[in-house]
Amino acid sequence: MHDTGFKLKVRIVNIPAEMFIDAVYFLEEARKLKDKPENYLLKARYCRASIILSFFSLEAYMNSFIGGHRSKIGVEGLDKRIIRSKMSFEEKFEIIIPLITKKLTSKKRK
C-alpha cells in the first residue's frame, strides 16, 4: 500500500442537513454559470447533483424521523424495513405526513 501522506478527517454531525447544504451549494454553483453553450454540461451536472442530494437529504431525514417516532407509528417490523430499504420513499412519506401535520393523508394505503 502506497502512503500518499494525505490525511482527511471529516466529522459528520447531521447527514440530512449536510446533504441539503451540499444540494444548495451545487444549485448556487449552477446559477453562477453564465448561460453559454460551453457551460451547459457543467450546469446540468451541478443541477443534477443538487436534485439528487436534495432527495437523499429528504430520505435520510425521513429515516431518522421515523426511527425517532417508531413507538407512535406502530408498524410491525418498521425498524428492519427502514434499515433494509424495503420501505419505499412514498411509504415513508405517507407515514411522516400525519406525524408532522397531525392530520391524515389524503391517500389511504391498504
PDB file of N, CA and C in Angstrom:
ATOM      1  N   MET A   1       0.835  -1.177   0.000  1.00  0.00           N
ATOM      2  CA  MET A   1       0.000   0.000   0.000  1.00  0.00           C
ATOM      3  C   MET A   1       0.877   1.236   0.000  1.00  0.00           C
ATOM      4  N   HIS A   2       0.540   2.178  -0.848  1.00  0.00           N
ATOM      5  CA  HIS A   2       1.316   3.405  -1.008  1.00  0.00           C
ATOM      6  C   HIS A   2       0.745   4.509  -0.133  1.00  0.00           C
ATOM      7  N   ASP A   3       1.606   5.103   0.688  1.00  0.00           N
ATOM      8  CA  ASP A   3       1.164   6.197   1.550  1.00  0.00           C
ATOM      9  C   ASP A   3       1.367   7.518   0.816  1.00  0.00           C
ATOM     10  N   THR A   4       0.278   8.214   0.565  1.00  0.00           N
ATOM     11  CA  THR A   4       0.351   9.494  -0.145  1.00  0.00           C
ATOM     12  C   THR A   4       0.620  10.657   0.803  1.00  0.00           C
ATOM     13  N   GLY A   5       0.520  10.419   2.085  1.00  0.00           N
ATOM     14  CA  GLY A   5       0.698  11.480   3.057  1.00  0.00           C
ATOM     15  C   GLY A   5      -0.556  12.329   3.232  1.00  0.00           C
ATOM     16  N   PHE A   6      -1.561  12.045   2.451  1.00  0.00           N
ATOM     17  CA  PHE A   6      -2.814  12.791   2.509  1.00  0.00           C
ATOM     18  C   PHE A   6      -3.703  12.184   3.574  1.00  0.00           C
ATOM     19  N   LYS A   7      -4.067  12.983   4.523  1.00  0.00           N
ATOM     20  CA  LYS A   7      -4.952  12.511   5.587  1.00  0.00           C
ATOM     21  C   LYS A   7      -6.161  13.422   5.633  1.00  0.00           C
ATOM     22  N   LEU A   8      -7.306  12.802   5.739  1.00  0.00           N
ATOM     23  CA  LEU A   8      -8.551  13.551   5.755  1.00  0.00           C
ATOM     24  C   LEU A   8      -9.357  13.139   6.971  1.00  0.00           C
ATOM     25  N   LYS A   9      -9.708  14.113   7.754  1.00  0.00           N
ATOM     26  CA  LYS A   9     -10.575  13.858   8.894  1.00  0.00           C
ATOM     27  C   LYS A   9     -11.855  14.631   8.655  1.00  0.00           C
ATOM     28  N   VAL A  10     -12.941  13.908   8.626  1.00  0.00           N
ATOM     29  CA  VAL A  10     -14.240  14.521   8.390  1.00  0.00           C
ATOM     30  C   VAL A  10     -15.145  14.179   9.559  1.00  0.00           C
ATOM     31  N   ARG A  11     -15.793  15.187  10.055  1.00  0.00           N
ATOM     32  CA  ARG A  11     -16.740  14.978  11.145  1.00  0.00           C
ATOM     33  C   ARG A  11     -18.138  15.251  10.597  1.00  0.00           C
ATOM     34  N   ILE A  12     -18.926  14.197  10.536  1.00  0.00           N
ATOM     35  CA  ILE A  12     -20.287  14.328  10.054  1.00  0.00           C
ATOM     36  C   ILE A  12     -21.212  14.352  11.252  1.00  0.00           C
ATOM     37  N   VAL A  13     -21.963  15.425  11.372  1.00  0.00           N
ATOM     38  CA  VAL A  13     -22.815  15.605  12.534  1.00  0.00           C
ATOM     39  C   VAL A  13     -24.268  15.294  12.210  1.00  0.00           C
ATOM     40  N   ASN A  14     -24.745  15.815  11.094  1.00  0.00           N
ATOM     41  CA  ASN A  14     -26.151  15.678  10.745  1.00  0.00           C
ATOM     42  C   ASN A  14     -26.236  15.419   9.242  1.00  0.00           C
ATOM     43  N   ILE A  15     -26.279  14.160   8.861  1.00  0.00           N
ATOM     44  CA  ILE A  15     -26.242  13.782   7.440  1.00  0.00           C
ATOM     45  C   ILE A  15     -27.341  14.471   6.629  1.00  0.00           C
ATOM     46  N   PRO A  16     -28.612  14.437   7.045  1.00  0.00           N
ATOM     47  CA  PRO A  16     -29.625  15.109   6.219  1.00  0.00           C
ATOM     48  C   PRO A  16     -29.315  16.590   5.992  1.00  0.00           C
ATOM     49  N   ALA A  17     -28.905  17.280   7.032  1.00  0.00           N
ATOM     50  CA  ALA A  17     -28.601  18.708   6.910  1.00  0.00           C
ATOM     51  C   ALA A  17     -27.391  18.942   6.024  1.00  0.00           C
ATOM     52  N   GLU A  18     -26.361  18.131   6.178  1.00  0.00           N
ATOM     53  CA  GLU A  18     -25.153  18.320   5.376  1.00  0.00           C
ATOM     54  C   GLU A  18     -25.405  18.033   3.898  1.00  0.00           C
ATOM     55  N   MET A  19     -26.228  17.023   3.609  1.00  0.00           N
ATOM     56  CA  MET A  19     -26.559  16.759   2.209  1.00  0.00           C
ATOM     57  C   MET A  19     -27.386  17.904   1.632  1.00  0.00           C
ATOM     58  N   PHE A  20     -28.274  18.486   2.428  1.00  0.00           N
ATOM     59  CA  PHE A  20     -29.065  19.609   1.946  1.00  0.00           C
ATOM     60  C   PHE A  20     -28.177  20.830   1.696  1.00  0.00           C
ATOM     61  N   ILE A  21     -27.231  21.075   2.583  1.00  0.00           N
ATOM     62  CA  ILE A  21     -26.284  22.179   2.397  1.00  0.00           C
ATOM     63  C   ILE A  21     -25.498  21.980   1.096  1.00  0.00           C
ATOM     64  N   ASP A  22     -25.081  20.744   0.840  1.00  0.00           N
ATOM     65  CA  ASP A  22     -24.386  20.442  -0.420  1.00  0.00           C
ATOM     66  C   ASP A  22     -25.297  20.659  -1.619  1.00  0.00           C
ATOM     67  N   ALA A  23     -26.569  20.290  -1.488  1.00  0.00           N
ATOM     68  CA  ALA A  23     -27.530  20.487  -2.585  1.00  0.00           C
ATOM     69  C   ALA A  23     -27.659  21.974  -2.907  1.00  0.00           C
ATOM     70  N   VAL A  24     -27.746  22.795  -1.880  1.00  0.00           N
ATOM     71  CA  VAL A  24     -27.845  24.246  -2.079  1.00  0.00           C
ATOM     72  C   VAL A  24     -26.560  24.776  -2.714  1.00  0.00           C
ATOM     73  N   TYR A  25     -25.411  24.258  -2.269  1.00  0.00           N
ATOM     74  CA  TYR A  25     -24.130  24.683  -2.848  1.00  0.00           C
ATOM     75  C   TYR A  25     -24.092  24.421  -4.358  1.00  0.00           C
ATOM     76  N   PHE A  26     -24.459  23.213  -4.769  1.00  0.00           N
ATOM     77  CA  PHE A  26     -24.411  22.883  -6.192  1.00  0.00           C
ATOM     78  C   PHE A  26     -25.429  23.694  -6.996  1.00  0.00           C
ATOM     79  N   LEU A  27     -26.568  23.985  -6.412  1.00  0.00           N
ATOM     80  CA  LEU A  27     -27.553  24.827  -7.093  1.00  0.00           C
ATOM     81  C   LEU A  27     -26.990  26.235  -7.297  1.00  0.00           C
ATOM     82  N   GLU A  28     -26.365  26.773  -6.265  1.00  0.00           N
ATOM     83  CA  GLU A  28     -25.763  28.107  -6.378  1.00  0.00           C
ATOM     84  C   GLU A  28     -24.631  28.122  -7.405  1.00  0.00           C
ATOM     85  N   GLU A  29     -23.842  27.059  -7.445  1.00  0.00           N
ATOM     86  CA  GLU A  29     -22.769  26.977  -8.447  1.00  0.00           C
ATOM     87  C   GLU A  29     -23.356  26.958  -9.862  1.00  0.00           C
ATOM     88  N   ALA A  30     -24.458  26.259 -10.046  1.00  0.00           N
ATOM     89  CA  ALA A  30     -25.126  26.230 -11.357  1.00  0.00           C
ATOM     90  C   ALA A  30     -25.629  27.616 -11.727  1.00  0.00           C
ATOM     91  N   ARG A  31     -26.179  28.323 -10.769  1.00  0.00           N
ATOM     92  CA  ARG A  31     -26.706  29.667 -11.029  1.00  0.00           C
ATOM     93  C   ARG A  31     -25.610  30.662 -11.382  1.00  0.00           C
ATOM     94  N   LYS A  32     -24.422  30.471 -10.853  1.00  0.00           N
ATOM     95  CA  LYS A  32     -23.304  31.380 -11.127  1.00  0.00           C
ATOM     96  C   LYS A  32     -22.816  31.288 -12.573  1.00  0.00           C
ATOM     97  N   LEU A  33     -23.009  30.131 -13.190  1.00  0.00           N
ATOM     98  CA  LEU A  33     -22.501  29.946 -14.551  1.00  0.00           C
ATOM     99  C   LEU A  33     -23.322  30.756 -15.547  1.00  0.00           C
ATOM    100  N   LYS A  34     -22.623  31.406 -16.446  1.00  0.00           N
ATOM    101  CA  LYS A  34     -23.308  32.163 -17.499  1.00  0.00           C
ATOM    102  C   LYS A  34     -24.011  31.195 -18.436  1.00  0.00           C
ATOM    103  N   ASP A  35     -25.093  31.644 -19.010  1.00  0.00           N
ATOM    104  CA  ASP A  35     -25.893  30.804 -19.903  1.00  0.00           C
ATOM    105  C   ASP A  35     -25.243  30.775 -21.298  1.00  0.00           C
ATOM    106  N   LYS A  36     -24.149  30.010 -21.376  1.00  0.00           N
ATOM    107  CA  LYS A  36     -23.413  29.867 -22.630  1.00  0.00           C
ATOM    108  C   LYS A  36     -23.264  28.377 -22.925  1.00  0.00           C
ATOM    109  N   PRO A  37     -23.204  28.012 -24.210  1.00  0.00           N
ATOM    110  CA  PRO A  37     -23.113  26.584 -24.571  1.00  0.00           C
ATOM    111  C   PRO A  37     -21.975  25.834 -23.884  1.00  0.00           C
ATOM    112  N   GLU A  38     -20.841  26.477 -23.669  1.00  0.00           N
ATOM    113  CA  GLU A  38     -19.712  25.780 -23.038  1.00  0.00           C
ATOM    114  C   GLU A  38     -19.964  25.469 -21.558  1.00  0.00           C
ATOM    115  N   ASN A  39     -20.972  26.075 -20.976  1.00  0.00           N
ATOM    116  CA  ASN A  39     -21.302  25.819 -19.566  1.00  0.00           C
ATOM    117  C   ASN A  39     -22.464  24.848 -19.375  1.00  0.00           C
ATOM    118  N   TYR A  40     -23.140  24.460 -20.449  1.00  0.00           N
ATOM    119  CA  TYR A  40     -24.344  23.641 -20.334  1.00  0.00           C
ATOM    120  C   TYR A  40     -24.094  22.320 -19.614  1.00  0.00           C
ATOM    121  N   LEU A  41     -23.015  21.623 -19.960  1.00  0.00           N
ATOM    122  CA  LEU A  41     -22.752  20.330 -19.313  1.00  0.00           C
ATOM    123  C   LEU A  41     -22.462  20.484 -17.827  1.00  0.00           C
ATOM    124  N   LEU A  42     -21.648  21.467 -17.485  1.00  0.00           N
ATOM    125  CA  LEU A  42     -21.316  21.675 -16.077  1.00  0.00           C
ATOM    126  C   LEU A  42     -22.551  22.137 -15.298  1.00  0.00           C
ATOM    127  N   LYS A  43     -23.343  23.018 -15.912  1.00  0.00           N
ATOM    128  CA  LYS A  43     -24.569  23.484 -15.269  1.00  0.00           C
ATOM    129  C   LYS A  43     -25.524  22.312 -15.028  1.00  0.00           C
ATOM    130  N   ALA A  44     -25.654  21.441 -16.017  1.00  0.00           N
ATOM    131  CA  ALA A  44     -26.510  20.263 -15.867  1.00  0.00           C
ATOM    132  C   ALA A  44     -25.979  19.349 -14.767  1.00  0.00           C
ATOM    133  N   ARG A  45     -24.673  19.187 -14.691  1.00  0.00           N
ATOM    134  CA  ARG A  45     -24.065  18.342 -13.645  1.00  0.00           C
ATOM    135  C   ARG A  45     -24.353  18.913 -12.258  1.00  0.00           C
ATOM    136  N   TYR A  46     -24.194  20.221 -12.103  1.00  0.00           N
ATOM    137  CA  TYR A  46     -24.471  20.852 -10.810  1.00  0.00           C
ATOM    138  C   TYR A  46     -25.947  20.714 -10.438  1.00  0.00           C
ATOM    139  N   CYS A  47     -26.831  20.928 -11.403  1.00  0.00           N
ATOM    140  CA  CYS A  47     -28.271  20.799 -11.131  1.00  0.00           C
ATOM    141  C   CYS A  47     -28.630  19.365 -10.767  1.00  0.00           C
ATOM    142  N   ARG A  48     -28.063  18.423 -11.500  1.00  0.00           N
ATOM    143  CA  ARG A  48     -28.321  17.004 -11.212  1.00  0.00           C
ATOM    144  C   ARG A  48     -27.845  16.658  -9.796  1.00  0.00           C
ATOM    145  N   ALA A  49     -26.652  17.115  -9.432  1.00  0.00           N
ATOM    146  CA  ALA A  49     -26.134  16.849  -8.082  1.00  0.00           C
ATOM    147  C   ALA A  49     -27.040  17.473  -7.029  1.00  0.00           C
ATOM    148  N   SER A  50     -27.532  18.673  -7.296  1.00  0.00           N
ATOM    149  CA  SER A  50     -28.410  19.348  -6.351  1.00  0.00           C
ATOM    150  C   SER A  50     -29.719  18.582  -6.153  1.00  0.00           C
ATOM    151  N   ILE A  51     -30.303  18.110  -7.244  1.00  0.00           N
ATOM    152  CA  ILE A  51     -31.563  17.360  -7.162  1.00  0.00           C
ATOM    153  C   ILE A  51     -31.364  16.047  -6.415  1.00  0.00           C
ATOM    154  N   ILE A  52     -30.321  15.321  -6.774  1.00  0.00           N
ATOM    155  CA  ILE A  52     -30.062  14.025  -6.132  1.00  0.00           C
ATOM    156  C   ILE A  52     -29.787  14.205  -4.643  1.00  0.00           C
ATOM    157  N   LEU A  53     -28.947  15.177  -4.304  1.00  0.00           N
ATOM    158  CA  LEU A  53     -28.641  15.408  -2.891  1.00  0.00           C
ATOM    159  C   LEU A  53     -29.866  15.880  -2.113  1.00  0.00           C
ATOM    160  N   SER A  54     -30.758  16.622  -2.762  1.00  0.00           N
ATOM    161  CA  SER A  54     -31.997  17.045  -2.094  1.00  0.00           C
ATOM    162  C   SER A  54     -32.848  15.840  -1.723  1.00  0.00           C
ATOM    163  N   PHE A  55     -32.992  14.898  -2.669  1.00  0.00           N
ATOM    164  CA  PHE A  55     -33.781  13.702  -2.367  1.00  0.00           C
ATOM    165  C   PHE A  55     -33.090  12.813  -1.336  1.00  0.00           C
ATOM    166  N   PHE A  56     -31.766  12.672  -1.433  1.00  0.00           N
ATOM    167  CA  PHE A  56     -31.041  11.894  -0.426  1.00  0.00           C
ATOM    168  C   PHE A  56     -31.223  12.520   0.946  1.00  0.00           C
ATOM    169  N   SER A  57     -31.148  13.837   1.007  1.00  0.00           N
ATOM    170  CA  SER A  57     -31.322  14.547   2.272  1.00  0.00           C
ATOM    171  C   SER A  57     -32.708  14.307   2.852  1.00  0.00           C
ATOM    172  N   LEU A  58     -33.721  14.408   2.000  1.00  0.00           N
ATOM    173  CA  LEU A  58     -35.093  14.186   2.459  1.00  0.00           C
ATOM    174  C   LEU A  58     -35.284  12.757   2.948  1.00  0.00           C
ATOM    175  N   GLU A  59     -34.748  11.791   2.211  1.00  0.00           N
ATOM    176  CA  GLU A  59     -34.917  10.402   2.643  1.00  0.00           C
ATOM    177  C   GLU A  59     -34.156  10.118   3.935  1.00  0.00           C
ATOM    178  N   ALA A  60     -32.961  10.672   4.081  1.00  0.00           N
ATOM    179  CA  ALA A  60     -32.208  10.494   5.324  1.00  0.00           C
ATOM    180  C   ALA A  60     -32.956  11.113   6.500  1.00  0.00           C
ATOM    181  N   TYR A  61     -33.558  12.283   6.272  1.00  0.00           N
ATOM    182  CA  TYR A  61     -34.358  12.911   7.314  1.00  0.00           C
ATOM    183  C   TYR A  61     -35.554  12.034   7.672  1.00  0.00           C
ATOM    184  N   MET A  62     -36.232  11.511   6.649  1.00  0.00           N
ATOM    185  CA  MET A  62     -37.397  10.659   6.914  1.00  0.00           C
ATOM    186  C   MET A  62     -36.997   9.423   7.705  1.00  0.00           C
ATOM    187  N   ASN A  63     -35.866   8.812   7.357  1.00  0.00           N
ATOM    188  CA  ASN A  63     -35.399   7.624   8.080  1.00  0.00           C
ATOM    189  C   ASN A  63     -35.170   7.942   9.553  1.00  0.00           C
ATOM    190  N   SER A  64     -34.498   9.062   9.825  1.00  0.00           N
ATOM    191  CA  SER A  64     -34.226   9.395  11.226  1.00  0.00           C
ATOM    192  C   SER A  64     -35.504   9.813  11.949  1.00  0.00           C
ATOM    193  N   PHE A  65     -36.395  10.504  11.255  1.00  0.00           N
ATOM    194  CA  PHE A  65     -37.662  10.919  11.865  1.00  0.00           C
ATOM    195  C   PHE A  65     -38.515   9.709  12.220  1.00  0.00           C
ATOM    196  N   ILE A  66     -38.644   8.792  11.292  1.00  0.00           N
ATOM    197  CA  ILE A  66     -39.433   7.581  11.554  1.00  0.00           C
ATOM    198  C   ILE A  66     -38.800   6.776  12.676  1.00  0.00           C
ATOM    199  N   GLY A  67     -37.481   6.653  12.651  1.00  0.00           N
ATOM    200  CA  GLY A  67     -36.791   5.927  13.717  1.00  0.00           C
ATOM    201  C   GLY A  67     -37.033   6.540  15.085  1.00  0.00           C
ATOM    202  N   GLY A  68     -37.099   7.863  15.143  1.00  0.00           N
ATOM    203  CA  GLY A  68     -37.331   8.565  16.404  1.00  0.00           C
ATOM    204  C   GLY A  68     -38.770   8.522  16.868  1.00  0.00           C
ATOM    205  N   HIS A  69     -39.700   8.216  15.967  1.00  0.00           N
ATOM    206  CA  HIS A  69     -41.126   8.202  16.302  1.00  0.00           C
ATOM    207  C   HIS A  69     -41.755   6.823  16.148  1.00  0.00           C
ATOM    208  N   ARG A  70     -40.935   5.796  16.109  1.00  0.00           N
ATOM    209  CA  ARG A  70     -41.469   4.453  15.822  1.00  0.00           C
ATOM    210  C   ARG A  70     -42.477   3.976  16.865  1.00  0.00           C
ATOM    211  N   SER A  71     -42.359   4.429  18.110  1.00  0.00           N
ATOM    212  CA  SER A  71     -43.335   3.991  19.115  1.00  0.00           C
ATOM    213  C   SER A  71     -44.725   4.567  18.826  1.00  0.00           C
ATOM    214  N   LYS A  72     -44.796   5.725  18.187  1.00  0.00           N
ATOM    215  CA  LYS A  72     -46.079   6.341  17.844  1.00  0.00           C
ATOM    216  C   LYS A  72     -46.679   5.739  16.572  1.00  0.00           C
ATOM    217  N   ILE A  73     -45.831   5.162  15.735  1.00  0.00           N
ATOM    218  CA  ILE A  73     -46.276   4.701  14.421  1.00  0.00           C
ATOM    219  C   ILE A  73     -46.952   3.342  14.488  1.00  0.00           C
ATOM    220  N   GLY A  74     -46.341   2.401  15.174  1.00  0.00           N
ATOM    221  CA  GLY A  74     -46.936   1.098  15.360  1.00  0.00           C
ATOM    222  C   GLY A  74     -47.015   0.236  14.113  1.00  0.00           C
ATOM    223  N   VAL A  75     -45.995   0.256  13.279  1.00  0.00           N
ATOM    224  CA  VAL A  75     -45.948  -0.605  12.095  1.00  0.00           C
ATOM    225  C   VAL A  75     -45.027  -1.772  12.412  1.00  0.00           C
ATOM    226  N   GLU A  76     -45.535  -2.978  12.291  1.00  0.00           N
ATOM    227  CA  GLU A  76     -44.773  -4.184  12.608  1.00  0.00           C
ATOM    228  C   GLU A  76     -43.481  -4.248  11.780  1.00  0.00           C
ATOM    229  N   GLY A  77     -42.359  -4.444  12.467  1.00  0.00           N
ATOM    230  CA  GLY A  77     -41.071  -4.597  11.786  1.00  0.00           C
ATOM    231  C   GLY A  77     -40.568  -3.341  11.103  1.00  0.00           C
ATOM    232  N   LEU A  78     -41.015  -2.178  11.565  1.00  0.00           N
ATOM    233  CA  LEU A  78     -40.667  -0.920  10.913  1.00  0.00           C
ATOM    234  C   LEU A  78     -39.161  -0.690  10.887  1.00  0.00           C
ATOM    235  N   ASP A  79     -38.474  -0.897  12.018  1.00  0.00           N
ATOM    236  CA  ASP A  79     -37.033  -0.671  12.072  1.00  0.00           C
ATOM    237  C   ASP A  79     -36.297  -1.482  11.013  1.00  0.00           C
ATOM    238  N   LYS A  80     -36.635  -2.753  10.903  1.00  0.00           N
ATOM    239  CA  LYS A  80     -35.960  -3.626   9.939  1.00  0.00           C
ATOM    240  C   LYS A  80     -36.278  -3.208   8.514  1.00  0.00           C
ATOM    241  N   ARG A  81     -37.512  -2.776   8.254  1.00  0.00           N
ATOM    242  CA  ARG A  81     -37.894  -2.354   6.897  1.00  0.00           C
ATOM    243  C   ARG A  81     -37.120  -1.106   6.485  1.00  0.00           C
ATOM    244  N   ILE A  82     -36.942  -0.168   7.404  1.00  0.00           N
ATOM    245  CA  ILE A  82     -36.197   1.049   7.083  1.00  0.00           C
ATOM    246  C   ILE A  82     -34.733   0.714   6.846  1.00  0.00           C
ATOM    247  N   ILE A  83     -34.144  -0.054   7.758  1.00  0.00           N
ATOM    248  CA  ILE A  83     -32.725  -0.392   7.656  1.00  0.00           C
ATOM    249  C   ILE A  83     -32.435  -1.186   6.389  1.00  0.00           C
ATOM    250  N   ARG A  84     -33.299  -2.081   6.032  1.00  0.00           N
ATOM    251  CA  ARG A  84     -33.084  -2.914   4.851  1.00  0.00           C
ATOM    252  C   ARG A  84     -33.619  -2.261   3.572  1.00  0.00           C
ATOM    253  N   SER A  85     -34.054  -1.042   3.654  1.00  0.00           N
ATOM    254  CA  SER A  85     -34.574  -0.297   2.500  1.00  0.00           C
ATOM    255  C   SER A  85     -35.732  -1.006   1.815  1.00  0.00           C
ATOM    256  N   LYS A  86     -36.566  -1.680   2.588  1.00  0.00           N
ATOM    257  CA  LYS A  86     -37.718  -2.350   1.999  1.00  0.00           C
ATOM    258  C   LYS A  86     -38.932  -1.448   1.999  1.00  0.00           C
ATOM    259  N   MET A  87     -38.788  -0.267   2.512  1.00  0.00           N
ATOM    260  CA  MET A  87     -39.884   0.681   2.522  1.00  0.00           C
ATOM    261  C   MET A  87     -39.593   1.738   1.461  1.00  0.00           C
ATOM    262  N   SER A  88     -40.543   1.975   0.606  1.00  0.00           N
ATOM    263  CA  SER A  88     -40.332   2.937  -0.471  1.00  0.00           C
ATOM    264  C   SER A  88     -40.329   4.368   0.074  1.00  0.00           C
ATOM    265  N   PHE A  89     -39.801   5.249  -0.738  1.00  0.00           N
ATOM    266  CA  PHE A  89     -39.802   6.675  -0.423  1.00  0.00           C
ATOM    267  C   PHE A  89     -41.235   7.136  -0.150  1.00  0.00           C
ATOM    268  N   GLU A  90     -42.152   6.700  -1.016  1.00  0.00           N
ATOM    269  CA  GLU A  90     -43.553   7.103  -0.886  1.00  0.00           C
ATOM    270  C   GLU A  90     -44.172   6.584   0.409  1.00  0.00           C
ATOM    271  N   GLU A  91     -43.857   5.337   0.788  1.00  0.00           N
ATOM    272  CA  GLU A  91     -44.390   4.783   2.035  1.00  0.00           C
ATOM    273  C   GLU A  91     -43.902   5.588   3.238  1.00  0.00           C
ATOM    274  N   LYS A  92     -42.624   5.945   3.217  1.00  0.00           N
ATOM    275  CA  LYS A  92     -42.072   6.743   4.319  1.00  0.00           C
ATOM    276  C   LYS A  92     -42.772   8.090   4.391  1.00  0.00           C
ATOM    277  N   PHE A  93     -42.959   8.693   3.237  1.00  0.00           N
ATOM    278  CA  PHE A  93     -43.618   9.997   3.162  1.00  0.00           C
ATOM    279  C   PHE A  93     -45.036   9.915   3.720  1.00  0.00           C
ATOM    280  N   GLU A  94     -45.750   8.853   3.377  1.00  0.00           N
ATOM    281  CA  GLU A  94     -47.126   8.669   3.855  1.00  0.00           C
ATOM    282  C   GLU A  94     -47.179   8.468   5.375  1.00  0.00           C
ATOM    283  N   ILE A  95     -46.134   7.908   5.942  1.00  0.00           N
ATOM    284  CA  ILE A  95     -46.078   7.718   7.394  1.00  0.00           C
ATOM    285  C   ILE A  95     -45.782   9.049   8.088  1.00  0.00           C
ATOM    286  N   ILE A  96     -44.921   9.837   7.518  1.00  0.00           N
ATOM    287  CA  ILE A  96     -44.449  11.064   8.161  1.00  0.00           C
ATOM    288  C   ILE A  96     -45.470  12.194   8.133  1.00  0.00           C
ATOM    289  N   ILE A  97     -46.182  12.348   7.037  1.00  0.00           N
ATOM    290  CA  ILE A  97     -47.106  13.486   6.899  1.00  0.00           C
ATOM    291  C   ILE A  97     -48.077  13.596   8.079  1.00  0.00           C
ATOM    292  N   PRO A  98     -48.753  12.508   8.471  1.00  0.00           N
ATOM    293  CA  PRO A  98     -49.673  12.653   9.621  1.00  0.00           C
ATOM    294  C   PRO A  98     -48.955  12.995  10.921  1.00  0.00           C
ATOM    295  N   LEU A  99     -47.723  12.529  11.094  1.00  0.00           N
ATOM    296  CA  LEU A  99     -46.986  12.830  12.321  1.00  0.00           C
ATOM    297  C   LEU A  99     -46.593  14.302  12.391  1.00  0.00           C
ATOM    298  N   ILE A 100     -46.226  14.864  11.256  1.00  0.00           N
ATOM    299  CA  ILE A 100     -45.806  16.263  11.231  1.00  0.00           C
ATOM    300  C   ILE A 100     -47.001  17.207  11.270  1.00  0.00           C
ATOM    301  N   THR A 101     -48.016  16.914  10.471  1.00  0.00           N
ATOM    302  CA  THR A 101     -49.157  17.827  10.343  1.00  0.00           C
ATOM    303  C   THR A 101     -50.268  17.546  11.353  1.00  0.00           C
ATOM    304  N   LYS A 102     -50.189  16.394  11.991  1.00  0.00           N
ATOM    305  CA  LYS A 102     -51.243  15.941  12.915  1.00  0.00           C
ATOM    306  C   LYS A 102     -52.572  15.735  12.187  1.00  0.00           C
ATOM    307  N   LYS A 103     -52.478  15.511  10.858  1.00  0.00           N
ATOM    308  CA  LYS A 103     -53.666  15.261  10.052  1.00  0.00           C
ATOM    309  C   LYS A 103     -53.471  13.971   9.275  1.00  0.00           C
ATOM    310  N   LEU A 104     -54.548  13.399   8.831  1.00  0.00           N
ATOM    311  CA  LEU A 104     -54.459  12.213   7.990  1.00  0.00           C
ATOM    312  C   LEU A 104     -54.063  12.614   6.583  1.00  0.00           C
ATOM    313  N   THR A 105     -53.383  11.715   5.888  1.00  0.00           N
ATOM    314  CA  THR A 105     -53.031  11.986   4.500  1.00  0.00           C
ATOM    315  C   THR A 105     -54.279  11.866   3.625  1.00  0.00           C
ATOM    316  N   SER A 106     -54.192  12.436   2.448  1.00  0.00           N
ATOM    317  CA  SER A 106     -55.344  12.396   1.554  1.00  0.00           C
ATOM    318  C   SER A 106     -55.490  11.018   0.931  1.00  0.00           C
ATOM    319  N   LYS A 107     -54.390  10.295   0.765  1.00  0.00           N
ATOM    320  CA  LYS A 107     -54.453   8.944   0.196  1.00  0.00           C
ATOM    321  C   LYS A 107     -54.475   7.917   1.316  1.00  0.00           C
ATOM    322  N   LYS A 108     -55.279   6.920   1.170  1.00  0.00           N
ATOM    323  CA  LYS A 108     -55.323   5.840   2.147  1.00  0.00           C
ATOM    324  C   LYS A 108     -54.590   4.639   1.553  1.00  0.00           C
ATOM    325  N   ARG A 109     -53.552   4.178   2.236  1.00  0.00           N
ATOM    326  CA  ARG A 109     -52.821   2.998   1.793  1.00  0.00           C
ATOM    327  C   ARG A 109     -53.428   1.764   2.414  1.00  0.00           C
ATOM    328  N   LYS A 110     -53.524   0.712   1.623  1.00  0.00           N
ATOM    329  CA  LYS A 110     -54.069  -0.536   2.145  1.00  0.00           C
ATOM    330  C   LYS A 110     -53.040  -1.615   2.069  1.00  0.00           C
TER     331      LYS A 110
END
